[in-house]
PDB file of N, CA and C in Angstrom:
ATOM      1  N   UNK A   1      48.091-235.491  28.347  1.00  0.00           N
ATOM      2  CA  UNK A   1      48.004-234.600  29.005  1.00  0.00           C
ATOM      3  C   UNK A   1      48.585-233.488  29.501  1.00  0.00           C
ATOM      4  N   UNK A   2      48.807-232.977  28.319  1.00  0.00           N
ATOM      5  CA  UNK A   2      49.449-231.747  28.787  1.00  0.00           C
ATOM      6  C   UNK A   2      48.169-230.317  28.202  1.00  0.00           C
ATOM      7  N   UNK A   3      47.018-230.728  27.258  1.00  0.00           N
ATOM      8  CA  UNK A   3      46.121-230.544  26.981  1.00  0.00           C
ATOM      9  C   UNK A   3      44.991-230.420  27.906  1.00  0.00           C
ATOM     10  N   UNK A   4      45.053-231.221  29.216  1.00  0.00           N
ATOM     11  CA  UNK A   4      43.912-231.386  30.253  1.00  0.00           C
ATOM     12  C   UNK A   4      44.089-230.709  30.848  1.00  0.00           C
ATOM     13  N   UNK A   5      45.542-230.131  30.966  1.00  0.00           N
ATOM     14  CA  UNK A   5      45.917-229.235  32.439  1.00  0.00           C
ATOM     15  C   UNK A   5      45.486-227.662  31.597  1.00  0.00           C
ATOM     16  N   UNK A   6      45.654-227.041  30.082  1.00  0.00           N
ATOM     17  CA  UNK A   6      44.720-225.807  29.618  1.00  0.00           C
ATOM     18  C   UNK A   6      43.987-226.053  29.400  1.00  0.00           C
ATOM     19  N   UNK A   7      42.848-226.820  29.684  1.00  0.00           N
ATOM     20  CA  UNK A   7      41.602-226.736  30.292  1.00  0.00           C
ATOM     21  C   UNK A   7      41.159-227.025  30.811  1.00  0.00           C
ATOM     22  N   UNK A   8      41.951-226.651  32.042  1.00  0.00           N
ATOM     23  CA  UNK A   8      41.251-226.190  33.441  1.00  0.00           C
ATOM     24  C   UNK A   8      42.285-225.377  33.787  1.00  0.00           C
ATOM     25  N   UNK A   9      42.431-224.203  33.080  1.00  0.00           N
ATOM     26  CA  UNK A   9      43.914-223.045  33.561  1.00  0.00           C
ATOM     27  C   UNK A   9      41.702-222.284  33.602  1.00  0.00           C
ATOM     28  N   UNK A  10      42.226-221.199  34.441  1.00  0.00           N
ATOM     29  CA  UNK A  10      41.021-220.640  35.314  1.00  0.00           C
ATOM     30  C   UNK A  10      40.598-219.015  34.784  1.00  0.00           C
ATOM     31  N   UNK A  11      39.902-218.811  34.385  1.00  0.00           N
ATOM     32  CA  UNK A  11      39.684-217.424  33.282  1.00  0.00           C
ATOM     33  C   UNK A  11      39.736-216.125  33.989  1.00  0.00           C
ATOM     34  N   UNK A  12      41.857-215.733  34.211  1.00  0.00           N
ATOM     35  CA  UNK A  12      40.879-214.445  35.181  1.00  0.00           C
ATOM     36  C   UNK A  12      40.207-213.252  34.725  1.00  0.00           C
ATOM     37  N   UNK A  13      40.338-213.465  33.367  1.00  0.00           N
ATOM     38  CA  UNK A  13      39.333-212.279  32.396  1.00  0.00           C
ATOM     39  C   UNK A  13      37.915-211.809  33.630  1.00  0.00           C
ATOM     40  N   UNK A  14      37.014-213.252  33.551  1.00  0.00           N
ATOM     41  CA  UNK A  14      35.765-213.399  33.758  1.00  0.00           C
ATOM     42  C   UNK A  14      35.791-212.669  34.499  1.00  0.00           C
ATOM     43  N   UNK A  15      34.440-212.241  33.933  1.00  0.00           N
ATOM     44  CA  UNK A  15      33.444-211.257  35.164  1.00  0.00           C
ATOM     45  C   UNK A  15      33.886-209.370  35.212  1.00  0.00           C
ATOM     46  N   UNK A  16      34.962-209.396  34.481  1.00  0.00           N
ATOM     47  CA  UNK A  16      35.657-207.955  34.377  1.00  0.00           C
ATOM     48  C   UNK A  16      34.234-206.793  33.480  1.00  0.00           C
ATOM     49  N   UNK A  17      34.221-206.278  34.102  1.00  0.00           N
ATOM     50  CA  UNK A  17      32.955-204.993  33.127  1.00  0.00           C
ATOM     51  C   UNK A  17      34.026-204.409  32.548  1.00  0.00           C
ATOM     52  N   UNK A  18      34.011-203.816  32.020  1.00  0.00           N
ATOM     53  CA  UNK A  18      34.831-202.712  31.253  1.00  0.00           C
ATOM     54  C   UNK A  18      34.683-201.460  31.074  1.00  0.00           C
ATOM     55  N   UNK A  19      35.387-200.512  31.901  1.00  0.00           N
ATOM     56  CA  UNK A  19      34.583-199.063  32.795  1.00  0.00           C
ATOM     57  C   UNK A  19      35.267-198.502  31.768  1.00  0.00           C
ATOM     58  N   UNK A  20      33.483-197.188  31.856  1.00  0.00           N
ATOM     59  CA  UNK A  20      33.633-196.478  31.032  1.00  0.00           C
ATOM     60  C   UNK A  20      34.542-194.989  30.411  1.00  0.00           C
ATOM     61  N   UNK A  21      34.471-194.406  29.754  1.00  0.00           N
ATOM     62  CA  UNK A  21      35.706-193.858  29.915  1.00  0.00           C
ATOM     63  C   UNK A  21      34.871-192.615  28.512  1.00  0.00           C
ATOM     64  N   UNK A  22      36.347-191.404  28.781  1.00  0.00           N
ATOM     65  CA  UNK A  22      35.617-190.248  27.906  1.00  0.00           C
ATOM     66  C   UNK A  22      36.708-189.215  26.957  1.00  0.00           C
ATOM     67  N   UNK A  23      36.635-189.492  26.134  1.00  0.00           N
ATOM     68  CA  UNK A  23      37.311-189.203  24.621  1.00  0.00           C
ATOM     69  C   UNK A  23      37.573-187.596  24.549  1.00  0.00           C
ATOM     70  N   UNK A  24      36.144-186.781  24.588  1.00  0.00           N
ATOM     71  CA  UNK A  24      36.515-185.806  24.321  1.00  0.00           C
ATOM     72  C   UNK A  24      34.945-184.984  25.101  1.00  0.00           C
ATOM     73  N   UNK A  25      34.825-183.622  25.503  1.00  0.00           N
ATOM     74  CA  UNK A  25      34.148-182.494  25.700  1.00  0.00           C
ATOM     75  C   UNK A  25      34.378-181.176  24.860  1.00  0.00           C
ATOM     76  N   UNK A  26      33.247-180.593  24.726  1.00  0.00           N
ATOM     77  CA  UNK A  26      33.003-179.351  23.909  1.00  0.00           C
ATOM     78  C   UNK A  26      31.779-178.352  24.132  1.00  0.00           C
ATOM     79  N   UNK A  27      31.489-177.776  24.215  1.00  0.00           N
ATOM     80  CA  UNK A  27      33.638-176.905  25.172  1.00  0.00           C
ATOM     81  C   UNK A  27      33.590-177.159  25.622  1.00  0.00           C
ATOM     82  N   UNK A  28      34.420-176.313  26.175  1.00  0.00           N
ATOM     83  CA  UNK A  28      35.614-175.782  27.339  1.00  0.00           C
ATOM     84  C   UNK A  28      35.071-174.562  27.798  1.00  0.00           C
ATOM     85  N   UNK A  29      34.546-173.732  27.946  1.00  0.00           N
ATOM     86  CA  UNK A  29      34.221-172.359  28.412  1.00  0.00           C
ATOM     87  C   UNK A  29      33.231-171.709  27.752  1.00  0.00           C
ATOM     88  N   UNK A  30      32.262-171.151  29.323  1.00  0.00           N
ATOM     89  CA  UNK A  30      30.936-170.129  27.734  1.00  0.00           C
ATOM     90  C   UNK A  30      30.563-169.303  29.928  1.00  0.00           C
ATOM     91  N   UNK A  31      28.922-169.429  29.528  1.00  0.00           N
ATOM     92  CA  UNK A  31      27.856-169.229  30.740  1.00  0.00           C
ATOM     93  C   UNK A  31      27.092-170.126  31.184  1.00  0.00           C
ATOM     94  N   UNK A  32      26.261-169.813  32.224  1.00  0.00           N
ATOM     95  CA  UNK A  32      25.579-170.309  32.281  1.00  0.00           C
ATOM     96  C   UNK A  32      24.096-170.525  31.255  1.00  0.00           C
ATOM     97  N   UNK A  33      23.516-171.980  31.442  1.00  0.00           N
ATOM     98  CA  UNK A  33      22.879-172.330  30.302  1.00  0.00           C
ATOM     99  C   UNK A  33      23.663-173.326  29.273  1.00  0.00           C
ATOM    100  N   UNK A  34      25.386-173.388  29.257  1.00  0.00           N
ATOM    101  CA  UNK A  34      25.618-174.259  28.327  1.00  0.00           C
ATOM    102  C   UNK A  34      25.291-175.076  27.830  1.00  0.00           C
ATOM    103  N   UNK A  35      25.394-175.510  27.162  1.00  0.00           N
ATOM    104  CA  UNK A  35      24.733-177.004  26.836  1.00  0.00           C
ATOM    105  C   UNK A  35      26.549-177.807  26.610  1.00  0.00           C
ATOM    106  N   UNK A  36      27.110-178.896  27.412  1.00  0.00           N
ATOM    107  CA  UNK A  36      28.003-179.641  26.562  1.00  0.00           C
ATOM    108  C   UNK A  36      28.101-180.527  26.961  1.00  0.00           C
ATOM    109  N   UNK A  37      28.801-180.765  25.422  1.00  0.00           N
ATOM    110  CA  UNK A  37      28.084-182.250  25.328  1.00  0.00           C
ATOM    111  C   UNK A  37      29.334-183.428  25.624  1.00  0.00           C
ATOM    112  N   UNK A  38      29.590-184.455  25.973  1.00  0.00           N
ATOM    113  CA  UNK A  38      30.632-184.943  26.578  1.00  0.00           C
ATOM    114  C   UNK A  38      30.831-186.696  25.826  1.00  0.00           C
ATOM    115  N   UNK A  39      31.780-186.607  25.245  1.00  0.00           N
ATOM    116  CA  UNK A  39      31.668-188.411  24.296  1.00  0.00           C
ATOM    117  C   UNK A  39      32.713-189.043  25.416  1.00  0.00           C
ATOM    118  N   UNK A  40      32.365-190.531  24.803  1.00  0.00           N
ATOM    119  CA  UNK A  40      33.322-191.642  25.185  1.00  0.00           C
ATOM    120  C   UNK A  40      32.351-192.911  24.444  1.00  0.00           C
ATOM    121  N   UNK A  41      32.282-193.783  26.273  1.00  0.00           N
ATOM    122  CA  UNK A  41      31.745-194.504  25.486  1.00  0.00           C
ATOM    123  C   UNK A  41      31.197-196.069  26.941  1.00  0.00           C
ATOM    124  N   UNK A  42      30.376-196.606  26.683  1.00  0.00           N
ATOM    125  CA  UNK A  42      29.560-196.926  28.126  1.00  0.00           C
ATOM    126  C   UNK A  42      29.488-196.222  29.028  1.00  0.00           C
ATOM    127  N   UNK A  43      28.462-195.423  28.469  1.00  0.00           N
ATOM    128  CA  UNK A  43      27.864-194.171  29.117  1.00  0.00           C
ATOM    129  C   UNK A  43      26.267-195.194  29.444  1.00  0.00           C
ATOM    130  N   UNK A  44      26.270-195.626  30.420  1.00  0.00           N
ATOM    131  CA  UNK A  44      25.055-196.372  31.162  1.00  0.00           C
ATOM    132  C   UNK A  44      24.586-196.411  32.719  1.00  0.00           C
ATOM    133  N   UNK A  45      23.534-196.975  33.115  1.00  0.00           N
ATOM    134  CA  UNK A  45      22.962-196.560  34.114  1.00  0.00           C
ATOM    135  C   UNK A  45      22.920-195.692  34.859  1.00  0.00           C
ATOM    136  N   UNK A  46      22.988-195.569  35.976  1.00  0.00           N
ATOM    137  CA  UNK A  46      22.861-194.174  36.874  1.00  0.00           C
ATOM    138  C   UNK A  46      23.868-193.163  36.359  1.00  0.00           C
ATOM    139  N   UNK A  47      22.798-191.829  36.216  1.00  0.00           N
ATOM    140  CA  UNK A  47      24.521-190.785  35.387  1.00  0.00           C
ATOM    141  C   UNK A  47      24.495-189.903  36.335  1.00  0.00           C
ATOM    142  N   UNK A  48      24.779-189.315  36.754  1.00  0.00           N
ATOM    143  CA  UNK A  48      25.021-187.438  37.438  1.00  0.00           C
ATOM    144  C   UNK A  48      26.093-187.103  36.673  1.00  0.00           C
ATOM    145  N   UNK A  49      25.749-185.335  37.279  1.00  0.00           N
ATOM    146  CA  UNK A  49      26.799-184.711  36.945  1.00  0.00           C
ATOM    147  C   UNK A  49      26.967-183.821  37.508  1.00  0.00           C
ATOM    148  N   UNK A  50      28.363-183.206  37.573  1.00  0.00           N
ATOM    149  CA  UNK A  50      28.645-181.952  38.763  1.00  0.00           C
ATOM    150  C   UNK A  50      29.535-181.355  37.766  1.00  0.00           C
ATOM    151  N   UNK A  51      29.264-179.740  37.888  1.00  0.00           N
ATOM    152  CA  UNK A  51      30.184-178.468  37.581  1.00  0.00           C
ATOM    153  C   UNK A  51      30.883-178.469  38.741  1.00  0.00           C
ATOM    154  N   UNK A  52      31.973-178.287  39.514  1.00  0.00           N
ATOM    155  CA  UNK A  52      33.247-177.376  40.250  1.00  0.00           C
ATOM    156  C   UNK A  52      31.968-177.793  41.301  1.00  0.00           C
ATOM    157  N   UNK A  53      32.050-179.375  41.136  1.00  0.00           N
ATOM    158  CA  UNK A  53      30.876-179.956  42.731  1.00  0.00           C
ATOM    159  C   UNK A  53      29.792-179.904  42.934  1.00  0.00           C
ATOM    160  N   UNK A  54      28.870-178.839  41.446  1.00  0.00           N
ATOM    161  CA  UNK A  54      27.285-178.702  41.761  1.00  0.00           C
ATOM    162  C   UNK A  54      27.058-179.623  41.084  1.00  0.00           C
ATOM    163  N   UNK A  55      25.501-179.972  41.495  1.00  0.00           N
ATOM    164  CA  UNK A  55      25.277-180.866  40.472  1.00  0.00           C
ATOM    165  C   UNK A  55      24.711-180.244  39.504  1.00  0.00           C
ATOM    166  N   UNK A  56      24.425-180.550  38.201  1.00  0.00           N
ATOM    167  CA  UNK A  56      24.021-180.028  37.225  1.00  0.00           C
ATOM    168  C   UNK A  56      22.970-180.998  36.011  1.00  0.00           C
ATOM    169  N   UNK A  57      21.871-180.419  35.839  1.00  0.00           N
ATOM    170  CA  UNK A  57      21.115-181.107  34.426  1.00  0.00           C
ATOM    171  C   UNK A  57      21.715-181.374  33.473  1.00  0.00           C
ATOM    172  N   UNK A  58      21.388-183.318  33.146  1.00  0.00           N
ATOM    173  CA  UNK A  58      21.519-184.415  32.091  1.00  0.00           C
ATOM    174  C   UNK A  58      20.018-183.841  30.879  1.00  0.00           C
ATOM    175  N   UNK A  59      20.941-183.540  29.649  1.00  0.00           N
ATOM    176  CA  UNK A  59      20.341-183.048  29.027  1.00  0.00           C
ATOM    177  C   UNK A  59      19.591-183.531  28.498  1.00  0.00           C
ATOM    178  N   UNK A  60      20.387-185.274  28.076  1.00  0.00           N
ATOM    179  CA  UNK A  60      20.556-186.158  27.161  1.00  0.00           C
ATOM    180  C   UNK A  60      21.251-187.452  28.072  1.00  0.00           C
ATOM    181  N   UNK A  61      21.113-188.691  27.180  1.00  0.00           N
ATOM    182  CA  UNK A  61      22.018-189.499  27.577  1.00  0.00           C
ATOM    183  C   UNK A  61      22.459-190.217  26.646  1.00  0.00           C
ATOM    184  N   UNK A  62      24.008-190.565  25.999  1.00  0.00           N
ATOM    185  CA  UNK A  62      23.314-192.601  25.078  1.00  0.00           C
ATOM    186  C   UNK A  62      24.681-193.382  25.360  1.00  0.00           C
ATOM    187  N   UNK A  63      24.890-194.388  24.735  1.00  0.00           N
ATOM    188  CA  UNK A  63      25.968-195.013  25.609  1.00  0.00           C
ATOM    189  C   UNK A  63      27.618-193.973  24.913  1.00  0.00           C
ATOM    190  N   UNK A  64      26.752-193.481  23.853  1.00  0.00           N
ATOM    191  CA  UNK A  64      28.505-193.318  23.870  1.00  0.00           C
ATOM    192  C   UNK A  64      28.609-191.521  23.507  1.00  0.00           C
ATOM    193  N   UNK A  65      27.381-190.717  23.997  1.00  0.00           N
ATOM    194  CA  UNK A  65      27.419-188.847  24.124  1.00  0.00           C
ATOM    195  C   UNK A  65      26.607-188.820  25.332  1.00  0.00           C
ATOM    196  N   UNK A  66      26.989-187.835  26.042  1.00  0.00           N
ATOM    197  CA  UNK A  66      25.931-187.350  26.599  1.00  0.00           C
ATOM    198  C   UNK A  66      25.534-185.046  26.714  1.00  0.00           C
ATOM    199  N   UNK A  67      24.725-185.225  26.917  1.00  0.00           N
ATOM    200  CA  UNK A  67      24.564-183.538  26.850  1.00  0.00           C
ATOM    201  C   UNK A  67      24.693-182.940  28.584  1.00  0.00           C
ATOM    202  N   UNK A  68      24.794-181.703  28.928  1.00  0.00           N
ATOM    203  CA  UNK A  68      24.889-181.326  30.461  1.00  0.00           C
ATOM    204  C   UNK A  68      24.718-180.340  29.980  1.00  0.00           C
ATOM    205  N   UNK A  69      24.318-179.236  31.262  1.00  0.00           N
ATOM    206  CA  UNK A  69      23.828-177.987  30.916  1.00  0.00           C
ATOM    207  C   UNK A  69      25.005-177.357  32.578  1.00  0.00           C
ATOM    208  N   UNK A  70      25.340-175.950  32.414  1.00  0.00           N
ATOM    209  CA  UNK A  70      25.487-175.730  32.605  1.00  0.00           C
ATOM    210  C   UNK A  70      25.490-174.803  33.662  1.00  0.00           C
ATOM    211  N   UNK A  71      25.328-175.297  35.613  1.00  0.00           N
ATOM    212  CA  UNK A  71      24.431-174.168  36.224  1.00  0.00           C
ATOM    213  C   UNK A  71      24.350-173.012  36.553  1.00  0.00           C
ATOM    214  N   UNK A  72      24.074-172.247  36.632  1.00  0.00           N
ATOM    215  CA  UNK A  72      24.170-170.635  36.983  1.00  0.00           C
ATOM    216  C   UNK A  72      24.583-170.760  38.291  1.00  0.00           C
ATOM    217  N   UNK A  73      24.348-169.652  38.834  1.00  0.00           N
ATOM    218  CA  UNK A  73      25.874-169.489  39.400  1.00  0.00           C
ATOM    219  C   UNK A  73      26.906-170.245  39.554  1.00  0.00           C
ATOM    220  N   UNK A  74      26.939-171.013  39.032  1.00  0.00           N
ATOM    221  CA  UNK A  74      28.135-172.243  39.159  1.00  0.00           C
ATOM    222  C   UNK A  74      29.874-171.182  39.319  1.00  0.00           C
ATOM    223  N   UNK A  75      31.066-172.233  39.278  1.00  0.00           N
ATOM    224  CA  UNK A  75      32.143-171.642  39.122  1.00  0.00           C
ATOM    225  C   UNK A  75      32.377-172.547  38.007  1.00  0.00           C
ATOM    226  N   UNK A  76      34.315-171.426  37.370  1.00  0.00           N
ATOM    227  CA  UNK A  76      35.011-172.304  36.953  1.00  0.00           C
ATOM    228  C   UNK A  76      35.714-173.698  37.740  1.00  0.00           C
ATOM    229  N   UNK A  77      35.894-174.956  37.627  1.00  0.00           N
ATOM    230  CA  UNK A  77      36.430-176.112  37.823  1.00  0.00           C
ATOM    231  C   UNK A  77      36.225-177.419  36.878  1.00  0.00           C
ATOM    232  N   UNK A  78      36.347-178.429  37.402  1.00  0.00           N
ATOM    233  CA  UNK A  78      35.916-180.079  37.026  1.00  0.00           C
ATOM    234  C   UNK A  78      34.639-180.114  36.400  1.00  0.00           C
ATOM    235  N   UNK A  79      34.558-180.623  35.581  1.00  0.00           N
ATOM    236  CA  UNK A  79      33.341-181.463  35.075  1.00  0.00           C
ATOM    237  C   UNK A  79      33.248-182.974  35.633  1.00  0.00           C
ATOM    238  N   UNK A  80      32.955-183.630  36.576  1.00  0.00           N
ATOM    239  CA  UNK A  80      32.278-184.863  36.373  1.00  0.00           C
ATOM    240  C   UNK A  80      31.406-185.756  36.770  1.00  0.00           C
ATOM    241  N   UNK A  81      31.741-186.588  35.903  1.00  0.00           N
ATOM    242  CA  UNK A  81      30.874-188.019  35.794  1.00  0.00           C
ATOM    243  C   UNK A  81      30.658-189.511  36.889  1.00  0.00           C
ATOM    244  N   UNK A  82      29.439-189.061  37.540  1.00  0.00           N
ATOM    245  CA  UNK A  82      28.987-190.680  37.747  1.00  0.00           C
ATOM    246  C   UNK A  82      28.037-191.435  37.394  1.00  0.00           C
ATOM    247  N   UNK A  83      28.634-192.227  36.690  1.00  0.00           N
ATOM    248  CA  UNK A  83      27.988-193.691  35.858  1.00  0.00           C
ATOM    249  C   UNK A  83      27.900-194.670  36.652  1.00  0.00           C
ATOM    250  N   UNK A  84      27.127-194.860  37.729  1.00  0.00           N
ATOM    251  CA  UNK A  84      26.371-196.321  38.489  1.00  0.00           C
ATOM    252  C   UNK A  84      27.624-195.738  39.534  1.00  0.00           C
ATOM    253  N   UNK A  85      28.681-196.838  39.477  1.00  0.00           N
ATOM    254  CA  UNK A  85      29.614-197.572  40.307  1.00  0.00           C
ATOM    255  C   UNK A  85      31.257-196.335  39.906  1.00  0.00           C
ATOM    256  N   UNK A  86      30.958-196.264  39.327  1.00  0.00           N
ATOM    257  CA  UNK A  86      32.365-195.706  38.151  1.00  0.00           C
ATOM    258  C   UNK A  86      32.613-193.608  38.590  1.00  0.00           C
ATOM    259  N   UNK A  87      33.411-193.450  38.551  1.00  0.00           N
ATOM    260  CA  UNK A  87      33.174-191.762  38.543  1.00  0.00           C
ATOM    261  C   UNK A  87      34.282-191.824  37.763  1.00  0.00           C
ATOM    262  N   UNK A  88      34.172-190.707  36.973  1.00  0.00           N
ATOM    263  CA  UNK A  88      34.909-189.971  35.771  1.00  0.00           C
ATOM    264  C   UNK A  88      35.260-188.456  36.006  1.00  0.00           C
ATOM    265  N   UNK A  89      36.209-188.059  36.094  1.00  0.00           N
ATOM    266  CA  UNK A  89      36.894-186.875  35.514  1.00  0.00           C
ATOM    267  C   UNK A  89      36.817-186.278  34.551  1.00  0.00           C
ATOM    268  N   UNK A  90      35.548-185.326  33.831  1.00  0.00           N
ATOM    269  CA  UNK A  90      35.861-185.245  32.271  1.00  0.00           C
ATOM    270  C   UNK A  90      36.718-184.227  32.095  1.00  0.00           C
ATOM    271  N   UNK A  91      37.435-182.709  32.157  1.00  0.00           N
ATOM    272  CA  UNK A  91      38.142-182.409  32.174  1.00  0.00           C
ATOM    273  C   UNK A  91      37.520-180.668  32.757  1.00  0.00           C
ATOM    274  N   UNK A  92      38.137-179.805  32.838  1.00  0.00           N
ATOM    275  CA  UNK A  92      38.027-177.822  33.010  1.00  0.00           C
ATOM    276  C   UNK A  92      36.788-177.032  32.687  1.00  0.00           C
ATOM    277  N   UNK A  93      36.276-177.135  33.277  1.00  0.00           N
ATOM    278  CA  UNK A  93      35.055-175.894  32.620  1.00  0.00           C
ATOM    279  C   UNK A  93      36.035-174.805  32.555  1.00  0.00           C
ATOM    280  N   UNK A  94      35.447-173.451  32.418  1.00  0.00           N
ATOM    281  CA  UNK A  94      35.754-172.006  32.548  1.00  0.00           C
ATOM    282  C   UNK A  94      34.697-171.382  32.468  1.00  0.00           C
ATOM    283  N   UNK A  95      34.215-170.233  33.193  1.00  0.00           N
ATOM    284  CA  UNK A  95      32.898-170.078  33.109  1.00  0.00           C
ATOM    285  C   UNK A  95      33.224-168.388  32.537  1.00  0.00           C
ATOM    286  N   UNK A  96      33.135-167.649  31.323  1.00  0.00           N
ATOM    287  CA  UNK A  96      33.206-166.685  31.569  1.00  0.00           C
ATOM    288  C   UNK A  96      32.061-166.161  30.749  1.00  0.00           C
ATOM    289  N   UNK A  97      32.191-164.133  30.159  1.00  0.00           N
ATOM    290  CA  UNK A  97      30.976-163.732  29.270  1.00  0.00           C
ATOM    291  C   UNK A  97      31.409-163.959  28.107  1.00  0.00           C
ATOM    292  N   UNK A  98      30.779-164.189  27.631  1.00  0.00           N
ATOM    293  CA  UNK A  98      30.555-164.213  26.420  1.00  0.00           C
ATOM    294  C   UNK A  98      30.709-162.547  25.260  1.00  0.00           C
ATOM    295  N   UNK A  99      30.246-161.772  24.613  1.00  0.00           N
ATOM    296  CA  UNK A  99      30.327-160.277  24.154  1.00  0.00           C
ATOM    297  C   UNK A  99      31.367-160.791  23.209  1.00  0.00           C
ATOM    298  N   UNK A 100      30.156-160.011  21.366  1.00  0.00           N
ATOM    299  CA  UNK A 100      30.879-159.966  20.488  1.00  0.00           C
ATOM    300  C   UNK A 100      31.142-158.684  20.507  1.00  0.00           C
ATOM    301  N   UNK A 101      32.771-158.153  19.575  1.00  0.00           N
ATOM    302  CA  UNK A 101      32.631-157.034  19.602  1.00  0.00           C
ATOM    303  C   UNK A 101      33.283-156.105  17.703  1.00  0.00           C
ATOM    304  N   UNK A 102      32.914-157.075  17.681  1.00  0.00           N
ATOM    305  CA  UNK A 102      33.286-156.747  15.682  1.00  0.00           C
ATOM    306  C   UNK A 102      32.310-157.795  14.935  1.00  0.00           C
ATOM    307  N   UNK A 103      31.572-157.885  13.847  1.00  0.00           N
ATOM    308  CA  UNK A 103      31.366-158.487  12.892  1.00  0.00           C
ATOM    309  C   UNK A 103      32.238-158.060  11.327  1.00  0.00           C
ATOM    310  N   UNK A 104      32.475-158.744  10.324  1.00  0.00           N
ATOM    311  CA  UNK A 104      32.579-158.380   9.154  1.00  0.00           C
ATOM    312  C   UNK A 104      32.981-159.095   8.139  1.00  0.00           C
ATOM    313  N   UNK A 105      32.159-158.682   6.753  1.00  0.00           N
ATOM    314  CA  UNK A 105      31.747-157.781   6.734  1.00  0.00           C
ATOM    315  C   UNK A 105      30.283-157.363   7.300  1.00  0.00           C
ATOM    316  N   UNK A 106      29.898-156.027   7.410  1.00  0.00           N
ATOM    317  CA  UNK A 106      27.598-155.639   7.654  1.00  0.00           C
ATOM    318  C   UNK A 106      27.614-156.320   7.019  1.00  0.00           C
ATOM    319  N   UNK A 107      27.110-156.081   5.509  1.00  0.00           N
ATOM    320  CA  UNK A 107      26.344-156.865   5.250  1.00  0.00           C
ATOM    321  C   UNK A 107      26.762-157.290   4.041  1.00  0.00           C
ATOM    322  N   UNK A 108      26.150-158.164   2.891  1.00  0.00           N
ATOM    323  CA  UNK A 108      26.815-159.457   1.881  1.00  0.00           C
ATOM    324  C   UNK A 108      25.588-159.767   1.443  1.00  0.00           C
ATOM    325  N   UNK A 109      26.042-160.910   0.128  1.00  0.00           N
ATOM    326  CA  UNK A 109      25.172-161.749  -0.083  1.00  0.00           C
ATOM    327  C   UNK A 109      24.737-163.029   0.327  1.00  0.00           C
ATOM    328  N   UNK A 110      24.037-163.963  -0.006  1.00  0.00           N
ATOM    329  CA  UNK A 110      23.348-164.928   0.882  1.00  0.00           C
ATOM    330  C   UNK A 110      25.039-165.753   0.804  1.00  0.00           C
ATOM    331  N   UNK A 111      25.824-166.922   1.656  1.00  0.00           N
ATOM    332  CA  UNK A 111      26.266-167.518   1.267  1.00  0.00           C
ATOM    333  C   UNK A 111      28.011-166.708   2.051  1.00  0.00           C
ATOM    334  N   UNK A 112      27.260-165.792   1.599  1.00  0.00           N
ATOM    335  CA  UNK A 112      28.788-165.095   2.226  1.00  0.00           C
ATOM    336  C   UNK A 112      29.526-165.144   3.547  1.00  0.00           C
ATOM    337  N   UNK A 113      30.713-165.254   3.053  1.00  0.00           N
ATOM    338  CA  UNK A 113      31.373-165.788   5.122  1.00  0.00           C
ATOM    339  C   UNK A 113      32.038-164.235   5.928  1.00  0.00           C
ATOM    340  N   UNK A 114      31.288-164.223   7.477  1.00  0.00           N
ATOM    341  CA  UNK A 114      31.643-163.708   8.035  1.00  0.00           C
ATOM    342  C   UNK A 114      32.551-164.265   8.554  1.00  0.00           C
ATOM    343  N   UNK A 115      32.455-162.625   9.426  1.00  0.00           N
ATOM    344  CA  UNK A 115      33.985-162.819  10.586  1.00  0.00           C
ATOM    345  C   UNK A 115      33.470-162.184  12.142  1.00  0.00           C
ATOM    346  N   UNK A 116      33.348-163.161  13.311  1.00  0.00           N
ATOM    347  CA  UNK A 116      33.131-162.355  14.106  1.00  0.00           C
ATOM    348  C   UNK A 116      33.751-162.857  15.632  1.00  0.00           C
ATOM    349  N   UNK A 117      33.608-161.194  16.114  1.00  0.00           N
ATOM    350  CA  UNK A 117      35.086-161.289  17.219  1.00  0.00           C
ATOM    351  C   UNK A 117      34.780-160.525  18.363  1.00  0.00           C
ATOM    352  N   UNK A 118      35.170-161.541  19.066  1.00  0.00           N
ATOM    353  CA  UNK A 118      34.448-160.917  20.871  1.00  0.00           C
ATOM    354  C   UNK A 118      35.234-161.926  21.760  1.00  0.00           C
ATOM    355  N   UNK A 119      34.729-162.601  23.280  1.00  0.00           N
ATOM    356  CA  UNK A 119      35.727-162.984  23.897  1.00  0.00           C
ATOM    357  C   UNK A 119      34.255-163.608  23.823  1.00  0.00           C
ATOM    358  N   UNK A 120      35.032-165.459  24.243  1.00  0.00           N
ATOM    359  CA  UNK A 120      33.925-166.668  25.031  1.00  0.00           C
ATOM    360  C   UNK A 120      33.219-167.255  23.668  1.00  0.00           C
ATOM    361  N   UNK A 121      34.063-166.381  22.599  1.00  0.00           N
ATOM    362  CA  UNK A 121      32.900-167.831  21.767  1.00  0.00           C
ATOM    363  C   UNK A 121      33.448-169.088  21.274  1.00  0.00           C
ATOM    364  N   UNK A 122      34.591-169.849  20.893  1.00  0.00           N
ATOM    365  CA  UNK A 122      35.825-170.281  20.930  1.00  0.00           C
ATOM    366  C   UNK A 122      34.057-172.366  20.695  1.00  0.00           C
ATOM    367  N   UNK A 123      34.526-172.743  20.303  1.00  0.00           N
ATOM    368  CA  UNK A 123      33.499-173.871  20.194  1.00  0.00           C
ATOM    369  C   UNK A 123      34.592-175.395  19.539  1.00  0.00           C
ATOM    370  N   UNK A 124      35.786-175.135  20.095  1.00  0.00           N
ATOM    371  CA  UNK A 124      36.554-176.427  19.583  1.00  0.00           C
ATOM    372  C   UNK A 124      36.146-177.305  20.530  1.00  0.00           C
ATOM    373  N   UNK A 125      36.081-178.918  19.772  1.00  0.00           N
ATOM    374  CA  UNK A 125      36.356-180.541  20.944  1.00  0.00           C
ATOM    375  C   UNK A 125      37.570-179.923  21.155  1.00  0.00           C
ATOM    376  N   UNK A 126      37.708-180.795  22.855  1.00  0.00           N
ATOM    377  CA  UNK A 126      38.912-180.369  23.263  1.00  0.00           C
ATOM    378  C   UNK A 126      39.452-182.266  23.582  1.00  0.00           C
ATOM    379  N   UNK A 127      39.804-183.080  23.027  1.00  0.00           N
ATOM    380  CA  UNK A 127      40.545-184.550  22.838  1.00  0.00           C
ATOM    381  C   UNK A 127      40.557-184.759  24.064  1.00  0.00           C
ATOM    382  N   UNK A 128      41.130-185.397  24.449  1.00  0.00           N
ATOM    383  CA  UNK A 128      41.440-186.137  26.017  1.00  0.00           C
ATOM    384  C   UNK A 128      42.360-187.208  25.562  1.00  0.00           C
TER     385      UNK A 128
END
């Protein structure tokens, strides 16, 4: 009798679709036209993105990664994705001018390490 009741148990998880997830994005700052990579899982279906509410170009997309372009005339704010019926906030993007103030050494042999100083040069992943 116990086996029969166990076999009739309803499967509450049946029909639940896993939701898309963002794990990191980079860079989190730059100028217009900067390509921003968004990594995660379950990116599929109809995909669109916005920077501070402005619709942007999706340059490429795959199940685990997409590349979007910071728009001209944009402003600092949230990056958001819409994937079919799911909406995700990726994180903040800061518009800034990119400039180089110093390069050292100014010459050297092939393979030598150089240091470039300036503003807006960081291109580190932002882990979520």
